[in-house]
Amino acid sequence: IFVDLDGFKEINDVFDHGVGDEVLREVASRLNANIRQGDVVGRFGG
């Protein structure tokens, strides 16, 4: 499964990159909460 975020660039443009980092951490948490046990989730980049 390949996940690419929509609207993330606008978050970085409106807010600073610190907020963007918080968004990425929140997305990572939501991904972990919605996969099966044994599935492997990772950040490919950006």
ModelCIF file with pLDDT and N, C-alpha, C, O atoms, coordinates in Angstrom:
data_MODEL
#
_entry.id   MODEL 
#
_entity.id                         1 
_entity.type                       polymer 
_entity.pdbx_number_of_molecules   1 
#
_entity_poly.entity_id                      1 
_entity_poly.type                           'polypeptide(L)' 
_entity_poly.nstd_linkage                   no 
_entity_poly.nstd_monomer                   no 
_entity_poly.pdbx_seq_one_letter_code       IFVDLDGFKEINDVFDHGVGDEVLREVASRLNANIRQGDVVGRFGG 
_entity_poly.pdbx_seq_one_letter_code_can   IFVDLDGFKEINDVFDHGVGDEVLREVASRLNANIRQGDVVGRFGG 
_entity_poly.pdbx_strand_id                 A 
#
loop_
_entity_poly_seq.entity_id 
_entity_poly_seq.num 
_entity_poly_seq.mon_id 
_entity_poly_seq.hetero 
1 1  ILE n 
1 2  PHE n 
1 3  VAL n 
1 4  ASP n 
1 5  LEU n 
1 6  ASP n 
1 7  GLY n 
1 8  PHE n 
1 9  LYS n 
1 10 GLU n 
1 11 ILE n 
1 12 ASN n 
1 13 ASP n 
1 14 VAL n 
1 15 PHE n 
1 16 ASP n 
1 17 HIS n 
1 18 GLY n 
1 19 VAL n 
1 20 GLY n 
1 21 ASP n 
1 22 GLU n 
1 23 VAL n 
1 24 LEU n 
1 25 ARG n 
1 26 GLU n 
1 27 VAL n 
1 28 ALA n 
1 29 SER n 
1 30 ARG n 
1 31 LEU n 
1 32 ASN n 
1 33 ALA n 
1 34 ASN n 
1 35 ILE n 
1 36 ARG n 
1 37 GLN n 
1 38 GLY n 
1 39 ASP n 
1 40 VAL n 
1 41 VAL n 
1 42 GLY n 
1 43 ARG n 
1 44 PHE n 
1 45 GLY n 
1 46 GLY n 
#
_struct_asym.id          A 
_struct_asym.entity_id   1 
#
loop_
_ma_qa_metric.id 
_ma_qa_metric.mode 
_ma_qa_metric.name 
_ma_qa_metric.software_group_id 
_ma_qa_metric.type 
1 global pLDDT . pLDDT 
2 local  pLDDT . pLDDT 
#
_ma_qa_metric_global.metric_id      1 
_ma_qa_metric_global.metric_value   93.54 
_ma_qa_metric_global.model_id       1 
_ma_qa_metric_global.ordinal_id     1 
#
loop_
_ma_qa_metric_local.label_asym_id 
_ma_qa_metric_local.label_comp_id 
_ma_qa_metric_local.label_seq_id 
_ma_qa_metric_local.metric_id 
_ma_qa_metric_local.metric_value 
_ma_qa_metric_local.model_id 
_ma_qa_metric_local.ordinal_id 
A ILE 1  2 98.00 1 1  
A PHE 2  2 98.00 1 2  
A VAL 3  2 98.00 1 3  
A ASP 4  2 97.00 1 4  
A LEU 5  2 97.00 1 5  
A ASP 6  2 96.00 1 6  
A GLY 7  2 92.00 1 7  
A PHE 8  2 93.00 1 8  
A LYS 9  2 90.00 1 9  
A GLU 10 2 89.00 1 10 
A ILE 11 2 89.00 1 11 
A ASN 12 2 85.00 1 12 
A ASP 13 2 85.00 1 13 
A VAL 14 2 85.00 1 14 
A PHE 15 2 86.00 1 15 
A ASP 16 2 79.00 1 16 
A HIS 17 2 83.00 1 17 
A GLY 18 2 88.00 1 18 
A VAL 19 2 91.00 1 19 
A GLY 20 2 91.00 1 20 
A ASP 21 2 94.00 1 21 
A GLU 22 2 94.00 1 22 
A VAL 23 2 95.00 1 23 
A LEU 24 2 96.00 1 24 
A ARG 25 2 96.00 1 25 
A GLU 26 2 95.00 1 26 
A VAL 27 2 97.00 1 27 
A ALA 28 2 97.00 1 28 
A SER 29 2 97.00 1 29 
A ARG 30 2 97.00 1 30 
A LEU 31 2 98.00 1 31 
A ASN 32 2 96.00 1 32 
A ALA 33 2 97.00 1 33 
A ASN 34 2 97.00 1 34 
A ILE 35 2 97.00 1 35 
A ARG 36 2 95.00 1 36 
A GLN 37 2 95.00 1 37 
A GLY 38 2 94.00 1 38 
A ASP 39 2 97.00 1 39 
A VAL 40 2 97.00 1 40 
A VAL 41 2 98.00 1 41 
A GLY 42 2 97.00 1 42 
A ARG 43 2 97.00 1 43 
A PHE 44 2 95.00 1 44 
A GLY 45 2 92.00 1 45 
A GLY 46 2 93.00 1 46 
#
loop_
_atom_site.group_PDB 
_atom_site.id 
_atom_site.type_symbol 
_atom_site.label_atom_id 
_atom_site.label_alt_id 
_atom_site.label_comp_id 
_atom_site.label_asym_id 
_atom_site.label_entity_id 
_atom_site.label_seq_id 
_atom_site.pdbx_PDB_ins_code 
_atom_site.Cartn_x 
_atom_site.Cartn_y 
_atom_site.Cartn_z 
_atom_site.occupancy 
_atom_site.B_iso_or_equiv 
_atom_site.pdbx_formal_charge 
_atom_site.auth_seq_id 
_atom_site.auth_comp_id 
_atom_site.auth_asym_id 
_atom_site.auth_atom_id 
_atom_site.pdbx_PDB_model_num 
ATOM 1   N N  . ILE A 1 1  ? 0.853  -1.185 0.000  1.00 98.00 ? 1  ILE A N  1 
ATOM 2   C CA . ILE A 1 1  ? 0.000  0.000  0.000  1.00 98.00 ? 1  ILE A CA 1 
ATOM 3   C C  . ILE A 1 1  ? 0.893  1.241  0.000  1.00 98.00 ? 1  ILE A C  1 
ATOM 4   O O  . ILE A 1 1  ? 1.762  1.402  0.857  1.00 98.00 ? 1  ILE A O  1 
ATOM 5   N N  . PHE A 1 2  ? 0.656  2.122  -0.991 1.00 98.00 ? 2  PHE A N  1 
ATOM 6   C CA . PHE A 1 2  ? 1.439  3.344  -1.148 1.00 98.00 ? 2  PHE A CA 1 
ATOM 7   C C  . PHE A 1 2  ? 0.540  4.520  -0.765 1.00 98.00 ? 2  PHE A C  1 
ATOM 8   O O  . PHE A 1 2  ? -0.498 4.736  -1.391 1.00 98.00 ? 2  PHE A O  1 
ATOM 9   N N  . VAL A 1 3  ? 0.934  5.279  0.259  1.00 98.00 ? 3  VAL A N  1 
ATOM 10  C CA . VAL A 1 3  ? 0.147  6.415  0.757  1.00 98.00 ? 3  VAL A CA 1 
ATOM 11  C C  . VAL A 1 3  ? 0.912  7.705  0.468  1.00 98.00 ? 3  VAL A C  1 
ATOM 12  O O  . VAL A 1 3  ? 2.064  7.860  0.872  1.00 98.00 ? 3  VAL A O  1 
ATOM 13  N N  . ASP A 1 4  ? 0.252  8.629  -0.239 1.00 97.00 ? 4  ASP A N  1 
ATOM 14  C CA . ASP A 1 4  ? 0.844  9.943  -0.476 1.00 97.00 ? 4  ASP A CA 1 
ATOM 15  C C  . ASP A 1 4  ? -0.135 10.986 0.047  1.00 97.00 ? 4  ASP A C  1 
ATOM 16  O O  . ASP A 1 4  ? -1.311 10.954 -0.314 1.00 97.00 ? 4  ASP A O  1 
ATOM 17  N N  . LEU A 1 5  ? 0.318  11.901 0.882  1.00 97.00 ? 5  LEU A N  1 
ATOM 18  C CA . LEU A 1 5  ? -0.562 12.879 1.515  1.00 97.00 ? 5  LEU A CA 1 
ATOM 19  C C  . LEU A 1 5  ? -0.964 13.976 0.530  1.00 97.00 ? 5  LEU A C  1 
ATOM 20  O O  . LEU A 1 5  ? -0.149 14.458 -0.256 1.00 97.00 ? 5  LEU A O  1 
ATOM 21  N N  . ASP A 1 6  ? -2.242 14.356 0.594  1.00 96.00 ? 6  ASP A N  1 
ATOM 22  C CA . ASP A 1 6  ? -2.758 15.477 -0.190 1.00 96.00 ? 6  ASP A CA 1 
ATOM 23  C C  . ASP A 1 6  ? -2.863 16.688 0.724  1.00 96.00 ? 6  ASP A C  1 
ATOM 24  O O  . ASP A 1 6  ? -3.401 16.587 1.827  1.00 96.00 ? 6  ASP A O  1 
ATOM 25  N N  . GLY A 1 7  ? -2.357 17.828 0.279  1.00 92.00 ? 7  GLY A N  1 
ATOM 26  C CA . GLY A 1 7  ? -2.486 19.055 1.053  1.00 92.00 ? 7  GLY A CA 1 
ATOM 27  C C  . GLY A 1 7  ? -1.384 19.269 2.076  1.00 92.00 ? 7  GLY A C  1 
ATOM 28  O O  . GLY A 1 7  ? -1.434 20.229 2.845  1.00 92.00 ? 7  GLY A O  1 
ATOM 29  N N  . PHE A 1 8  ? -0.401 18.401 2.098  1.00 93.00 ? 8  PHE A N  1 
ATOM 30  C CA . PHE A 1 8  ? 0.662  18.563 3.097  1.00 93.00 ? 8  PHE A CA 1 
ATOM 31  C C  . PHE A 1 8  ? 1.537  19.769 2.785  1.00 93.00 ? 8  PHE A C  1 
ATOM 32  O O  . PHE A 1 8  ? 2.026  20.425 3.704  1.00 93.00 ? 8  PHE A O  1 
ATOM 33  N N  . LYS A 1 9  ? 1.746  20.076 1.492  1.00 90.00 ? 9  LYS A N  1 
ATOM 34  C CA . LYS A 1 9  ? 2.574  21.221 1.113  1.00 90.00 ? 9  LYS A CA 1 
ATOM 35  C C  . LYS A 1 9  ? 1.957  22.525 1.629  1.00 90.00 ? 9  LYS A C  1 
ATOM 36  O O  . LYS A 1 9  ? 2.674  23.426 2.065  1.00 90.00 ? 9  LYS A O  1 
ATOM 37  N N  . GLU A 1 10 ? 0.623  22.620 1.577  1.00 89.00 ? 10 GLU A N  1 
ATOM 38  C CA . GLU A 1 10 ? -0.037 23.821 2.068  1.00 89.00 ? 10 GLU A CA 1 
ATOM 39  C C  . GLU A 1 10 ? 0.174  23.977 3.578  1.00 89.00 ? 10 GLU A C  1 
ATOM 40  O O  . GLU A 1 10 ? 0.312  25.094 4.076  1.00 89.00 ? 10 GLU A O  1 
ATOM 41  N N  . ILE A 1 11 ? 0.198  22.857 4.299  1.00 89.00 ? 11 ILE A N  1 
ATOM 42  C CA . ILE A 1 11 ? 0.460  22.922 5.745  1.00 89.00 ? 11 ILE A CA 1 
ATOM 43  C C  . ILE A 1 11 ? 1.831  23.542 5.996  1.00 89.00 ? 11 ILE A C  1 
ATOM 44  O O  . ILE A 1 11 ? 1.980  24.424 6.842  1.00 89.00 ? 11 ILE A O  1 
ATOM 45  N N  . ASN A 1 12 ? 2.825  23.070 5.253  1.00 85.00 ? 12 ASN A N  1 
ATOM 46  C CA . ASN A 1 12 ? 4.176  23.617 5.414  1.00 85.00 ? 12 ASN A CA 1 
ATOM 47  C C  . ASN A 1 12 ? 4.256  25.078 4.998  1.00 85.00 ? 12 ASN A C  1 
ATOM 48  O O  . ASN A 1 12 ? 5.002  25.855 5.593  1.00 85.00 ? 12 ASN A O  1 
ATOM 49  N N  . ASP A 1 13 ? 3.469  25.463 3.949  1.00 85.00 ? 13 ASP A N  1 
ATOM 50  C CA . ASP A 1 13 ? 3.514  26.844 3.477  1.00 85.00 ? 13 ASP A CA 1 
ATOM 51  C C  . ASP A 1 13 ? 2.859  27.798 4.469  1.00 85.00 ? 13 ASP A C  1 
ATOM 52  O O  . ASP A 1 13 ? 3.358  28.899 4.700  1.00 85.00 ? 13 ASP A O  1 
ATOM 53  N N  . VAL A 1 14 ? 1.735  27.370 5.057  1.00 85.00 ? 14 VAL A N  1 
ATOM 54  C CA . VAL A 1 14 ? 0.997  28.233 5.983  1.00 85.00 ? 14 VAL A CA 1 
ATOM 55  C C  . VAL A 1 14 ? 1.667  28.280 7.352  1.00 85.00 ? 14 VAL A C  1 
ATOM 56  O O  . VAL A 1 14 ? 1.796  29.338 7.968  1.00 85.00 ? 14 VAL A O  1 
ATOM 57  N N  . PHE A 1 15 ? 2.085  27.111 7.806  1.00 86.00 ? 15 PHE A N  1 
ATOM 58  C CA . PHE A 1 15 ? 2.742  27.023 9.111  1.00 86.00 ? 15 PHE A CA 1 
ATOM 59  C C  . PHE A 1 15 ? 4.242  26.796 8.896  1.00 86.00 ? 15 PHE A C  1 
ATOM 60  O O  . PHE A 1 15 ? 4.711  26.743 7.759  1.00 86.00 ? 15 PHE A O  1 
ATOM 61  N N  . ASP A 1 16 ? 4.972  26.665 9.974  1.00 79.00 ? 16 ASP A N  1 
ATOM 62  C CA . ASP A 1 16 ? 6.404  26.377 9.810  1.00 79.00 ? 16 ASP A CA 1 
ATOM 63  C C  . ASP A 1 16 ? 6.623  24.874 9.714  1.00 79.00 ? 16 ASP A C  1 
ATOM 64  O O  . ASP A 1 16 ? 5.690  24.081 9.846  1.00 79.00 ? 16 ASP A O  1 
ATOM 65  N N  . HIS A 1 17 ? 7.884  24.502 9.481  1.00 83.00 ? 17 HIS A N  1 
ATOM 66  C CA . HIS A 1 17 ? 8.183  23.083 9.297  1.00 83.00 ? 17 HIS A CA 1 
ATOM 67  C C  . HIS A 1 17 ? 8.022  22.294 10.588 1.00 83.00 ? 17 HIS A C  1 
ATOM 68  O O  . HIS A 1 17 ? 7.864  21.074 10.555 1.00 83.00 ? 17 HIS A O  1 
ATOM 69  N N  . GLY A 1 18 ? 8.060  22.982 11.725 1.00 88.00 ? 18 GLY A N  1 
ATOM 70  C CA . GLY A 1 18 ? 7.823  22.279 12.987 1.00 88.00 ? 18 GLY A CA 1 
ATOM 71  C C  . GLY A 1 18 ? 6.423  21.703 13.026 1.00 88.00 ? 18 GLY A C  1 
ATOM 72  O O  . GLY A 1 18 ? 6.220  20.584 13.495 1.00 88.00 ? 18 GLY A O  1 
ATOM 73  N N  . VAL A 1 19 ? 5.441  22.473 12.529 1.00 91.00 ? 19 VAL A N  1 
ATOM 74  C CA . VAL A 1 19 ? 4.066  21.980 12.464 1.00 91.00 ? 19 VAL A CA 1 
ATOM 75  C C  . VAL A 1 19 ? 3.983  20.834 11.464 1.00 91.00 ? 19 VAL A C  1 
ATOM 76  O O  . VAL A 1 19 ? 3.292  19.844 11.702 1.00 91.00 ? 19 VAL A O  1 
ATOM 77  N N  . GLY A 1 20 ? 4.695  20.973 10.334 1.00 91.00 ? 20 GLY A N  1 
ATOM 78  C CA . GLY A 1 20 ? 4.714  19.895 9.352  1.00 91.00 ? 20 GLY A CA 1 
ATOM 79  C C  . GLY A 1 20 ? 5.243  18.600 9.942  1.00 91.00 ? 20 GLY A C  1 
ATOM 80  O O  . GLY A 1 20 ? 4.731  17.518 9.659  1.00 91.00 ? 20 GLY A O  1 
ATOM 81  N N  . ASP A 1 21 ? 6.279  18.726 10.768 1.00 94.00 ? 21 ASP A N  1 
ATOM 82  C CA . ASP A 1 21 ? 6.825  17.519 11.414 1.00 94.00 ? 21 ASP A CA 1 
ATOM 83  C C  . ASP A 1 21 ? 5.802  16.884 12.355 1.00 94.00 ? 21 ASP A C  1 
ATOM 84  O O  . ASP A 1 21 ? 5.694  15.661 12.441 1.00 94.00 ? 21 ASP A O  1 
ATOM 85  N N  . GLU A 1 22 ? 5.037  17.754 13.074 1.00 94.00 ? 22 GLU A N  1 
ATOM 86  C CA . GLU A 1 22 ? 4.009  17.229 13.971 1.00 94.00 ? 22 GLU A CA 1 
ATOM 87  C C  . GLU A 1 22 ? 2.922  16.499 13.181 1.00 94.00 ? 22 GLU A C  1 
ATOM 88  O O  . GLU A 1 22 ? 2.403  15.478 13.632 1.00 94.00 ? 22 GLU A O  1 
ATOM 89  N N  . VAL A 1 23 ? 2.583  17.018 12.014 1.00 95.00 ? 23 VAL A N  1 
ATOM 90  C CA . VAL A 1 23 ? 1.587  16.364 11.157 1.00 95.00 ? 23 VAL A CA 1 
ATOM 91  C C  . VAL A 1 23 ? 2.083  14.993 10.724 1.00 95.00 ? 23 VAL A C  1 
ATOM 92  O O  . VAL A 1 23 ? 1.330  14.019 10.766 1.00 95.00 ? 23 VAL A O  1 
ATOM 93  N N  . LEU A 1 24 ? 3.335  14.908 10.312 1.00 96.00 ? 24 LEU A N  1 
ATOM 94  C CA . LEU A 1 24 ? 3.881  13.615 9.882  1.00 96.00 ? 24 LEU A CA 1 
ATOM 95  C C  . LEU A 1 24 ? 3.884  12.606 11.032 1.00 96.00 ? 24 LEU A C  1 
ATOM 96  O O  . LEU A 1 24 ? 3.600  11.426 10.827 1.00 96.00 ? 24 LEU A O  1 
ATOM 97  N N  . ARG A 1 25 ? 4.207  13.075 12.246 1.00 96.00 ? 25 ARG A N  1 
ATOM 98  C CA . ARG A 1 25 ? 4.177  12.168 13.394 1.00 96.00 ? 25 ARG A CA 1 
ATOM 99  C C  . ARG A 1 25 ? 2.748  11.698 13.687 1.00 96.00 ? 25 ARG A C  1 
ATOM 100 O O  . ARG A 1 25 ? 2.530  10.542 14.048 1.00 96.00 ? 25 ARG A O  1 
ATOM 101 N N  . GLU A 1 26 ? 1.775  12.609 13.528 1.00 95.00 ? 26 GLU A N  1 
ATOM 102 C CA . GLU A 1 26 ? 0.377  12.244 13.748 1.00 95.00 ? 26 GLU A CA 1 
ATOM 103 C C  . GLU A 1 26 ? -0.093 11.240 12.699 1.00 95.00 ? 26 GLU A C  1 
ATOM 104 O O  . GLU A 1 26 ? -0.806 10.291 13.026 1.00 95.00 ? 26 GLU A O  1 
ATOM 105 N N  . VAL A 1 27 ? 0.298  11.441 11.452 1.00 97.00 ? 27 VAL A N  1 
ATOM 106 C CA . VAL A 1 27 ? -0.056 10.488 10.389 1.00 97.00 ? 27 VAL A CA 1 
ATOM 107 C C  . VAL A 1 27 ? 0.549  9.122  10.689 1.00 97.00 ? 27 VAL A C  1 
ATOM 108 O O  . VAL A 1 27 ? -0.112 8.099  10.512 1.00 97.00 ? 27 VAL A O  1 
ATOM 109 N N  . ALA A 1 28 ? 1.794  9.099  11.141 1.00 97.00 ? 28 ALA A N  1 
ATOM 110 C CA . ALA A 1 28 ? 2.439  7.828  11.485 1.00 97.00 ? 28 ALA A CA 1 
ATOM 111 C C  . ALA A 1 28 ? 1.654  7.106  12.576 1.00 97.00 ? 28 ALA A C  1 
ATOM 112 O O  . ALA A 1 28 ? 1.478  5.889  12.521 1.00 97.00 ? 28 ALA A O  1 
ATOM 113 N N  . SER A 1 29 ? 1.182  7.865  13.571 1.00 97.00 ? 29 SER A N  1 
ATOM 114 C CA . SER A 1 29 ? 0.394  7.264  14.648 1.00 97.00 ? 29 SER A CA 1 
ATOM 115 C C  . SER A 1 29 ? -0.919 6.692  14.113 1.00 97.00 ? 29 SER A C  1 
ATOM 116 O O  . SER A 1 29 ? -1.338 5.609  14.520 1.00 97.00 ? 29 SER A O  1 
ATOM 117 N N  . ARG A 1 30 ? -1.565 7.419  13.203 1.00 97.00 ? 30 ARG A N  1 
ATOM 118 C CA . ARG A 1 30 ? -2.840 6.946  12.636 1.00 97.00 ? 30 ARG A CA 1 
ATOM 119 C C  . ARG A 1 30 ? -2.620 5.719  11.755 1.00 97.00 ? 30 ARG A C  1 
ATOM 120 O O  . ARG A 1 30 ? -3.461 4.821  11.715 1.00 97.00 ? 30 ARG A O  1 
ATOM 121 N N  . LEU A 1 31 ? -1.499 5.680  11.056 1.00 98.00 ? 31 LEU A N  1 
ATOM 122 C CA . LEU A 1 31 ? -1.198 4.491  10.246 1.00 98.00 ? 31 LEU A CA 1 
ATOM 123 C C  . LEU A 1 31 ? -1.016 3.263  11.138 1.00 98.00 ? 31 LEU A C  1 
ATOM 124 O O  . LEU A 1 31 ? -1.573 2.199  10.866 1.00 98.00 ? 31 LEU A O  1 
ATOM 125 N N  . ASN A 1 32 ? -0.251 3.418  12.181 1.00 96.00 ? 32 ASN A N  1 
ATOM 126 C CA . ASN A 1 32 ? -0.019 2.295  13.107 1.00 96.00 ? 32 ASN A CA 1 
ATOM 127 C C  . ASN A 1 32 ? -1.316 1.801  13.726 1.00 96.00 ? 32 ASN A C  1 
ATOM 128 O O  . ASN A 1 32 ? -1.469 0.607  13.983 1.00 96.00 ? 32 ASN A O  1 
ATOM 129 N N  . ALA A 1 33 ? -2.252 2.715  13.965 1.00 97.00 ? 33 ALA A N  1 
ATOM 130 C CA . ALA A 1 33 ? -3.499 2.342  14.631 1.00 97.00 ? 33 ALA A CA 1 
ATOM 131 C C  . ALA A 1 33 ? -4.477 1.634  13.695 1.00 97.00 ? 33 ALA A C  1 
ATOM 132 O O  . ALA A 1 33 ? -5.459 1.059  14.163 1.00 97.00 ? 33 ALA A O  1 
ATOM 133 N N  . ASN A 1 34 ? -4.231 1.664  12.384 1.00 97.00 ? 34 ASN A N  1 
ATOM 134 C CA . ASN A 1 34 ? -5.225 1.134  11.447 1.00 97.00 ? 34 ASN A CA 1 
ATOM 135 C C  . ASN A 1 34 ? -4.701 0.010  10.557 1.00 97.00 ? 34 ASN A C  1 
ATOM 136 O O  . ASN A 1 34 ? -5.374 -0.377 9.601  1.00 97.00 ? 34 ASN A O  1 
ATOM 137 N N  . ILE A 1 35 ? -3.526 -0.517 10.849 1.00 97.00 ? 35 ILE A N  1 
ATOM 138 C CA . ILE A 1 35 ? -3.020 -1.677 10.113 1.00 97.00 ? 35 ILE A CA 1 
ATOM 139 C C  . ILE A 1 35 ? -3.207 -2.924 10.956 1.00 97.00 ? 35 ILE A C  1 
ATOM 140 O O  . ILE A 1 35 ? -3.553 -2.842 12.135 1.00 97.00 ? 35 ILE A O  1 
ATOM 141 N N  . ARG A 1 36 ? -2.978 -4.077 10.351 1.00 95.00 ? 36 ARG A N  1 
ATOM 142 C CA . ARG A 1 36 ? -3.101 -5.333 11.073 1.00 95.00 ? 36 ARG A CA 1 
ATOM 143 C C  . ARG A 1 36 ? -1.821 -5.632 11.853 1.00 95.00 ? 36 ARG A C  1 
ATOM 144 O O  . ARG A 1 36 ? -0.751 -5.099 11.560 1.00 95.00 ? 36 ARG A O  1 
ATOM 145 N N  . GLN A 1 37 ? -1.966 -6.495 12.846 1.00 95.00 ? 37 GLN A N  1 
ATOM 146 C CA . GLN A 1 37 ? -0.776 -6.961 13.546 1.00 95.00 ? 37 GLN A CA 1 
ATOM 147 C C  . GLN A 1 37 ? 0.069  -7.775 12.572 1.00 95.00 ? 37 GLN A C  1 
ATOM 148 O O  . GLN A 1 37 ? -0.436 -8.682 11.911 1.00 95.00 ? 37 GLN A O  1 
ATOM 149 N N  . GLY A 1 38 ? 1.325  -7.456 12.488 1.00 94.00 ? 38 GLY A N  1 
ATOM 150 C CA . GLY A 1 38 ? 2.223  -8.143 11.556 1.00 94.00 ? 38 GLY A CA 1 
ATOM 151 C C  . GLY A 1 38 ? 2.505  -7.348 10.307 1.00 94.00 ? 38 GLY A C  1 
ATOM 152 O O  . GLY A 1 38 ? 3.498  -7.605 9.627  1.00 94.00 ? 38 GLY A O  1 
ATOM 153 N N  . ASP A 1 39 ? 1.640  -6.369 9.980  1.00 97.00 ? 39 ASP A N  1 
ATOM 154 C CA . ASP A 1 39 ? 1.917  -5.503 8.840  1.00 97.00 ? 39 ASP A CA 1 
ATOM 155 C C  . ASP A 1 39 ? 3.086  -4.582 9.185  1.00 97.00 ? 39 ASP A C  1 
ATOM 156 O O  . ASP A 1 39 ? 3.280  -4.230 10.348 1.00 97.00 ? 39 ASP A O  1 
ATOM 157 N N  . VAL A 1 40 ? 3.858  -4.197 8.182  1.00 97.00 ? 40 VAL A N  1 
ATOM 158 C CA . VAL A 1 40 ? 5.007  -3.319 8.382  1.00 97.00 ? 40 VAL A CA 1 
ATOM 159 C C  . VAL A 1 40 ? 4.736  -1.989 7.709  1.00 97.00 ? 40 VAL A C  1 
ATOM 160 O O  . VAL A 1 40 ? 4.496  -1.938 6.503  1.00 97.00 ? 40 VAL A O  1 
ATOM 161 N N  . VAL A 1 41 ? 4.772  -0.899 8.490  1.00 98.00 ? 41 VAL A N  1 
ATOM 162 C CA . VAL A 1 41 ? 4.539  0.427  7.948  1.00 98.00 ? 41 VAL A CA 1 
ATOM 163 C C  . VAL A 1 41 ? 5.822  1.228  8.060  1.00 98.00 ? 41 VAL A C  1 
ATOM 164 O O  . VAL A 1 41 ? 6.528  1.146  9.065  1.00 98.00 ? 41 VAL A O  1 
ATOM 165 N N  . GLY A 1 42 ? 6.127  2.009  7.022  1.00 97.00 ? 42 GLY A N  1 
ATOM 166 C CA . GLY A 1 42 ? 7.349  2.792  7.025  1.00 97.00 ? 42 GLY A CA 1 
ATOM 167 C C  . GLY A 1 42 ? 7.181  4.085  6.247  1.00 97.00 ? 42 GLY A C  1 
ATOM 168 O O  . GLY A 1 42 ? 6.258  4.241  5.448  1.00 97.00 ? 42 GLY A O  1 
ATOM 169 N N  . ARG A 1 43 ? 8.093  5.000  6.500  1.00 97.00 ? 43 ARG A N  1 
ATOM 170 C CA . ARG A 1 43 ? 8.099  6.274  5.768  1.00 97.00 ? 43 ARG A CA 1 
ATOM 171 C C  . ARG A 1 43 ? 9.101  6.137  4.635  1.00 97.00 ? 43 ARG A C  1 
ATOM 172 O O  . ARG A 1 43 ? 10.293 5.926  4.854  1.00 97.00 ? 43 ARG A O  1 
ATOM 173 N N  . PHE A 1 44 ? 8.584  6.262  3.410  1.00 95.00 ? 44 PHE A N  1 
ATOM 174 C CA . PHE A 1 44 ? 9.437  6.098  2.247  1.00 95.00 ? 44 PHE A CA 1 
ATOM 175 C C  . PHE A 1 44 ? 10.238 7.360  1.978  1.00 95.00 ? 44 PHE A C  1 
ATOM 176 O O  . PHE A 1 44 ? 11.357 7.295  1.468  1.00 95.00 ? 44 PHE A O  1 
ATOM 177 N N  . GLY A 1 45 ? 9.667  8.505  2.319  1.00 92.00 ? 45 GLY A N  1 
ATOM 178 C CA . GLY A 1 45 ? 10.359 9.780  2.138  1.00 92.00 ? 45 GLY A CA 1 
ATOM 179 C C  . GLY A 1 45 ? 9.353  10.902 2.063  1.00 92.00 ? 45 GLY A C  1 
ATOM 180 O O  . GLY A 1 45 ? 8.247  10.703 1.560  1.00 92.00 ? 45 GLY A O  1 
ATOM 181 N N  . GLY A 1 46 ? 9.713  12.099 2.560  1.00 93.00 ? 46 GLY A N  1 
ATOM 182 C CA . GLY A 1 46 ? 8.797  13.238 2.497  1.00 93.00 ? 46 GLY A CA 1 
ATOM 183 C C  . GLY A 1 46 ? 7.481  12.910 3.167  1.00 93.00 ? 46 GLY A C  1 
ATOM 184 O O  . GLY A 1 46 ? 6.584  13.752 3.211  1.00 93.00 ? 46 GLY A O  1 
#
